[in-house]
């Protein structure tokens, strides 16, 4: 005995074609705008100003701590520096841990501002009492300036 159904099978749902519903567009826009505003506010304070090798100010950037004495700062191509024992080093560098405001000598400082002039080497980073800003200078005098993480380091 064979069973047969003469009823047509329901068609598989096809993905909706055409523009998305207006409510979805509005929700995506609002979420994106709020996210961009929060991100801009957080990044608004962060940045670096270089006097050497070229005079340039960059906005945005971040400073991160591993909670065990190492701190890394990155301000785009313009400036990066690392303090602490987790830093992959170069001969003569200081791997003493970050301990708050103060002067850190023989730390790695590098940058490639404007993608024209590159600098990299050991130098001095000063962390101000606010724990979120300071200055830097390479030992060879090729680069110097100031930085601001936008939020205090731990």
C-alpha atoms as a PDB file:
ATOM      1  CA  UNK A   1       0.000   0.000   0.000  1.00  0.00           C
ATOM      2  CA  UNK A   2       1.365   3.431  -0.936  1.00  0.00           C
ATOM      3  CA  UNK A   3       0.272   6.611   0.742  1.00  0.00           C
ATOM      4  CA  UNK A   4       0.139   9.681  -1.368  1.00  0.00           C
ATOM      5  CA  UNK A   5      -0.836  13.166  -0.520  1.00  0.00           C
ATOM      6  CA  UNK A   6      -2.267  15.344  -3.180  1.00  0.00           C
ATOM      7  CA  UNK A   7      -1.760  18.385  -1.031  1.00  0.00           C
ATOM      8  CA  UNK A   8       1.026  20.703  -2.127  1.00  0.00           C
ATOM      9  CA  UNK A   9       3.962  21.032   0.194  1.00  0.00           C
ATOM     10  CA  UNK A  10       4.375  24.406   1.817  1.00  0.00           C
ATOM     11  CA  UNK A  11       6.976  26.462   0.029  1.00  0.00           C
ATOM     12  CA  UNK A  12      10.225  27.069   1.841  1.00  0.00           C
ATOM     13  CA  UNK A  13      10.520  30.566   3.232  1.00  0.00           C
ATOM     14  CA  UNK A  14      12.605  32.739   1.039  1.00  0.00           C
ATOM     15  CA  UNK A  15      14.727  35.486   2.501  1.00  0.00           C
ATOM     16  CA  UNK A  16      13.064  38.843   2.364  1.00  0.00           C
ATOM     17  CA  UNK A  17      14.162  40.879  -0.596  1.00  0.00           C
ATOM     18  CA  UNK A  18      14.197  44.621  -0.829  1.00  0.00           C
ATOM     19  CA  UNK A  19      15.004  47.270   1.730  1.00  0.00           C
ATOM     20  CA  UNK A  20      14.925  46.367   5.437  1.00  0.00           C
ATOM     21  CA  UNK A  21      12.009  47.589   7.503  1.00  0.00           C
ATOM     22  CA  UNK A  22      12.284  51.216   8.604  1.00  0.00           C
ATOM     23  CA  UNK A  23      12.294  50.247  12.291  1.00  0.00           C
ATOM     24  CA  UNK A  24      15.356  48.019  11.778  1.00  0.00           C
ATOM     25  CA  UNK A  25      17.177  50.802   9.951  1.00  0.00           C
ATOM     26  CA  UNK A  26      16.323  53.296  12.697  1.00  0.00           C
ATOM     27  CA  UNK A  27      17.434  50.890  15.452  1.00  0.00           C
ATOM     28  CA  UNK A  28      20.742  50.162  13.706  1.00  0.00           C
ATOM     29  CA  UNK A  29      21.358  53.884  13.203  1.00  0.00           C
ATOM     30  CA  UNK A  30      20.603  54.749  16.828  1.00  0.00           C
ATOM     31  CA  UNK A  31      22.771  51.923  18.189  1.00  0.00           C
ATOM     32  CA  UNK A  32      25.601  52.925  15.879  1.00  0.00           C
ATOM     33  CA  UNK A  33      25.286  56.600  16.803  1.00  0.00           C
ATOM     34  CA  UNK A  34      25.283  55.864  20.535  1.00  0.00           C
ATOM     35  CA  UNK A  35      28.259  53.533  20.162  1.00  0.00           C
ATOM     36  CA  UNK A  36      30.170  56.095  18.114  1.00  0.00           C
ATOM     37  CA  UNK A  37      29.396  58.841  20.636  1.00  0.00           C
ATOM     38  CA  UNK A  38      30.606  56.734  23.554  1.00  0.00           C
ATOM     39  CA  UNK A  39      33.717  55.723  21.619  1.00  0.00           C
ATOM     40  CA  UNK A  40      34.425  59.317  20.600  1.00  0.00           C
ATOM     41  CA  UNK A  41      33.988  60.521  24.175  1.00  0.00           C
ATOM     42  CA  UNK A  42      36.381  57.867  25.493  1.00  0.00           C
ATOM     43  CA  UNK A  43      38.894  58.483  22.720  1.00  0.00           C
ATOM     44  CA  UNK A  44      38.455  62.268  22.851  1.00  0.00           C
ATOM     45  CA  UNK A  45      40.951  62.676  25.682  1.00  0.00           C
ATOM     46  CA  UNK A  46      43.440  60.087  24.501  1.00  0.00           C
ATOM     47  CA  UNK A  47      46.199  61.176  22.164  1.00  0.00           C
ATOM     48  CA  UNK A  48      49.801  62.181  21.737  1.00  0.00           C
ATOM     49  CA  UNK A  49      51.685  65.276  20.651  1.00  0.00           C
ATOM     50  CA  UNK A  50      55.125  64.885  19.126  1.00  0.00           C
ATOM     51  CA  UNK A  51      57.557  67.776  18.893  1.00  0.00           C
ATOM     52  CA  UNK A  52      60.233  65.587  17.260  1.00  0.00           C
ATOM     53  CA  UNK A  53      60.859  64.074  14.717  1.00  0.00           C
ATOM     54  CA  UNK A  54      57.858  65.908  13.228  1.00  0.00           C
ATOM     55  CA  UNK A  55      55.386  68.222  14.908  1.00  0.00           C
ATOM     56  CA  UNK A  56      52.124  66.293  14.961  1.00  0.00           C
ATOM     57  CA  UNK A  57      49.143  65.742  17.248  1.00  0.00           C
ATOM     58  CA  UNK A  58      47.137  62.539  17.060  1.00  0.00           C
ATOM     59  CA  UNK A  59      43.817  61.869  18.741  1.00  0.00           C
ATOM     60  CA  UNK A  60      42.809  58.484  20.022  1.00  0.00           C
ATOM     61  CA  UNK A  61      44.898  55.691  21.392  1.00  0.00           C
ATOM     62  CA  UNK A  62      44.971  53.473  24.425  1.00  0.00           C
ATOM     63  CA  UNK A  63      47.070  52.355  27.349  1.00  0.00           C
ATOM     64  CA  UNK A  64      46.703  48.858  28.720  1.00  0.00           C
ATOM     65  CA  UNK A  65      48.014  47.130  31.824  1.00  0.00           C
ATOM     66  CA  UNK A  66      48.316  43.402  32.397  1.00  0.00           C
ATOM     67  CA  UNK A  67      47.863  43.964  36.139  1.00  0.00           C
ATOM     68  CA  UNK A  68      51.291  42.461  36.835  1.00  0.00           C
ATOM     69  CA  UNK A  69      53.530  45.465  36.263  1.00  0.00           C
ATOM     70  CA  UNK A  70      53.549  45.805  32.480  1.00  0.00           C
ATOM     71  CA  UNK A  71      51.976  48.713  30.611  1.00  0.00           C
ATOM     72  CA  UNK A  72      51.723  49.254  26.873  1.00  0.00           C
ATOM     73  CA  UNK A  73      50.644  52.478  25.163  1.00  0.00           C
ATOM     74  CA  UNK A  74      49.664  52.808  21.518  1.00  0.00           C
ATOM     75  CA  UNK A  75      48.747  56.034  19.732  1.00  0.00           C
ATOM     76  CA  UNK A  76      48.376  54.758  16.193  1.00  0.00           C
ATOM     77  CA  UNK A  77      51.526  54.879  14.087  1.00  0.00           C
ATOM     78  CA  UNK A  78      52.705  58.019  15.866  1.00  0.00           C
ATOM     79  CA  UNK A  79      53.867  56.581  19.205  1.00  0.00           C
ATOM     80  CA  UNK A  80      54.109  53.347  21.178  1.00  0.00           C
ATOM     81  CA  UNK A  81      55.939  52.570  24.377  1.00  0.00           C
ATOM     82  CA  UNK A  82      56.161  49.673  26.801  1.00  0.00           C
ATOM     83  CA  UNK A  83      57.049  49.619  30.494  1.00  0.00           C
ATOM     84  CA  UNK A  84      57.613  46.490  32.540  1.00  0.00           C
ATOM     85  CA  UNK A  85      58.779  42.901  32.643  1.00  0.00           C
ATOM     86  CA  UNK A  86      56.477  41.479  29.940  1.00  0.00           C
ATOM     87  CA  UNK A  87      58.088  43.678  27.294  1.00  0.00           C
ATOM     88  CA  UNK A  88      60.051  41.865  24.622  1.00  0.00           C
ATOM     89  CA  UNK A  89      63.307  43.675  24.952  1.00  0.00           C
ATOM     90  CA  UNK A  90      66.417  44.941  23.421  1.00  0.00           C
ATOM     91  CA  UNK A  91      69.876  45.101  24.959  1.00  0.00           C
ATOM     92  CA  UNK A  92      70.108  47.552  27.851  1.00  0.00           C
ATOM     93  CA  UNK A  93      66.396  47.988  28.409  1.00  0.00           C
ATOM     94  CA  UNK A  94      64.955  48.298  31.889  1.00  0.00           C
ATOM     95  CA  UNK A  95      62.314  45.691  32.774  1.00  0.00           C
ATOM     96  CA  UNK A  96      61.369  47.107  36.156  1.00  0.00           C
ATOM     97  CA  UNK A  97      57.601  46.927  36.672  1.00  0.00           C
ATOM     98  CA  UNK A  98      55.228  49.849  36.381  1.00  0.00           C
ATOM     99  CA  UNK A  99      54.535  51.184  39.880  1.00  0.00           C
ATOM    100  CA  UNK A 100      52.486  54.313  39.226  1.00  0.00           C
ATOM    101  CA  UNK A 101      53.560  57.911  38.638  1.00  0.00           C
ATOM    102  CA  UNK A 102      57.278  58.477  38.146  1.00  0.00           C
ATOM    103  CA  UNK A 103      60.139  58.362  35.683  1.00  0.00           C
ATOM    104  CA  UNK A 104      60.862  55.171  33.750  1.00  0.00           C
ATOM    105  CA  UNK A 105      64.242  55.092  32.026  1.00  0.00           C
ATOM    106  CA  UNK A 106      65.507  52.749  29.314  1.00  0.00           C
ATOM    107  CA  UNK A 107      62.043  51.751  28.048  1.00  0.00           C
ATOM    108  CA  UNK A 108      61.251  50.958  24.421  1.00  0.00           C
ATOM    109  CA  UNK A 109      59.758  53.918  22.535  1.00  0.00           C
ATOM    110  CA  UNK A 110      58.885  53.790  18.847  1.00  0.00           C
ATOM    111  CA  UNK A 111      56.785  55.494  16.200  1.00  0.00           C
ATOM    112  CA  UNK A 112      56.229  56.108  12.530  1.00  0.00           C
ATOM    113  CA  UNK A 113      54.415  59.459  12.384  1.00  0.00           C
ATOM    114  CA  UNK A 114      53.131  60.520   8.985  1.00  0.00           C
ATOM    115  CA  UNK A 115      54.587  57.250   7.668  1.00  0.00           C
ATOM    116  CA  UNK A 116      57.685  59.230   6.695  1.00  0.00           C
ATOM    117  CA  UNK A 117      60.087  59.246   9.634  1.00  0.00           C
ATOM    118  CA  UNK A 118      60.581  56.189  11.801  1.00  0.00           C
ATOM    119  CA  UNK A 119      62.110  56.171  15.262  1.00  0.00           C
ATOM    120  CA  UNK A 120      62.728  53.327  17.688  1.00  0.00           C
ATOM    121  CA  UNK A 121      64.969  52.881  20.669  1.00  0.00           C
ATOM    122  CA  UNK A 122      65.355  53.314  24.376  1.00  0.00           C
ATOM    123  CA  UNK A 123      64.200  56.417  26.164  1.00  0.00           C
ATOM    124  CA  UNK A 124      62.523  57.940  29.179  1.00  0.00           C
ATOM    125  CA  UNK A 125      58.789  57.961  29.868  1.00  0.00           C
ATOM    126  CA  UNK A 126      57.425  60.148  32.663  1.00  0.00           C
ATOM    127  CA  UNK A 127      54.011  59.256  34.125  1.00  0.00           C
ATOM    128  CA  UNK A 128      52.383  62.297  35.762  1.00  0.00           C
ATOM    129  CA  UNK A 129      50.622  62.148  39.170  1.00  0.00           C
ATOM    130  CA  UNK A 130      47.232  61.889  37.390  1.00  0.00           C
ATOM    131  CA  UNK A 131      48.413  58.430  36.138  1.00  0.00           C
ATOM    132  CA  UNK A 132      46.997  59.095  32.654  1.00  0.00           C
ATOM    133  CA  UNK A 133      49.379  61.576  31.046  1.00  0.00           C
ATOM    134  CA  UNK A 134      53.067  62.313  30.751  1.00  0.00           C
ATOM    135  CA  UNK A 135      56.015  62.916  28.489  1.00  0.00           C
ATOM    136  CA  UNK A 136      58.529  60.858  26.531  1.00  0.00           C
ATOM    137  CA  UNK A 137      61.936  61.341  24.946  1.00  0.00           C
ATOM    138  CA  UNK A 138      64.275  58.911  23.225  1.00  0.00           C
ATOM    139  CA  UNK A 139      67.830  58.711  24.567  1.00  0.00           C
ATOM    140  CA  UNK A 140      69.256  59.663  21.157  1.00  0.00           C
ATOM    141  CA  UNK A 141      67.133  62.845  21.081  1.00  0.00           C
ATOM    142  CA  UNK A 142      65.368  61.904  17.844  1.00  0.00           C
ATOM    143  CA  UNK A 143      61.839  61.915  19.328  1.00  0.00           C
ATOM    144  CA  UNK A 144      60.034  63.694  22.151  1.00  0.00           C
ATOM    145  CA  UNK A 145      56.578  64.846  23.134  1.00  0.00           C
ATOM    146  CA  UNK A 146      53.651  64.222  25.430  1.00  0.00           C
ATOM    147  CA  UNK A 147      50.877  61.629  25.706  1.00  0.00           C
ATOM    148  CA  UNK A 148      47.509  61.133  27.392  1.00  0.00           C
ATOM    149  CA  UNK A 149      45.811  57.761  27.815  1.00  0.00           C
ATOM    150  CA  UNK A 150      42.374  59.300  28.339  1.00  0.00           C
ATOM    151  CA  UNK A 151      41.924  57.241  31.530  1.00  0.00           C
ATOM    152  CA  UNK A 152      44.159  56.599  34.538  1.00  0.00           C
ATOM    153  CA  UNK A 153      46.513  53.642  34.505  1.00  0.00           C
ATOM    154  CA  UNK A 154      46.063  51.300  37.473  1.00  0.00           C
END
